[in-house]
C-alpha cells in the first residue's frame, strides 16, 4: 500500500510533460519486452519446424529401410522355398538336359560335351553360387534366343554373363557364344565346430 501511495504522490507531483515522458518510457519498455517475447516465440517455432522436418525425413528413410528389409525377407523366403523344393539340383545336369532338349549339344566347343566345369563361389548370407560357363560355336540367333528363353523360364537358374562374337566363317554367318549361368545352393555347414 505504501508503494502505491508513494507512486500516486510521485505521479501527482509531475507536470504534464514529465508525465508523458515517463509514460513513453514505460510503454517503450513494455513494447521492447513484448517484441523480445514475440521474437523468441517465432525463433522457437522455426527451430521446432526444422526439427520436425528432420524427424519426418528420418522417419521416411526408416520406413523405406523397413520396407526394403521386408522385401528382402520375402525374397529370401522365396529363394529358400525354391531351394527346398529341389535340394539335389545340379546345374550341370540341368544344362545337359536343356541342351539335349533344344538339340544344341553339337554346338558346344569340343571337350564340353561330356562334362561342364562348375565352380562354387561364396554368395551372400547362407548361400553359395554354383557357376557354369559354356562355350558354343556355329550358333544362330534363333538357337541362342531359345536357349536364353528356356533358362529364363527356370526360376532356379539365372544368366550372369553373355558374350557373343561373330564367326569368321563367310559362307554361313554364325556366332561364337560364351554363356555363364548360375544357381544358388544352401551353404554347406561345417562339420567341425571349433
Foldseek 3Di string as FASTA:
>chain_A
DVVVVVVVVVLVPDDPVVNVVVVVVVVVVVVVVVVVVVVVVVVVVVVVVVVVVVVVVVVVVVVVVVVVVVVVVVVVVVLVVVCVVCVPDDPFVVVLVLCVVLVNLVFWDPPPSVDWDWDWADDPDFKIKIKTKTKGPFAAPVSVVVSQVVQVVDPQKDWDDKDWDWDPDPVDIGIIIITMMMGIHGHDDDPDDD
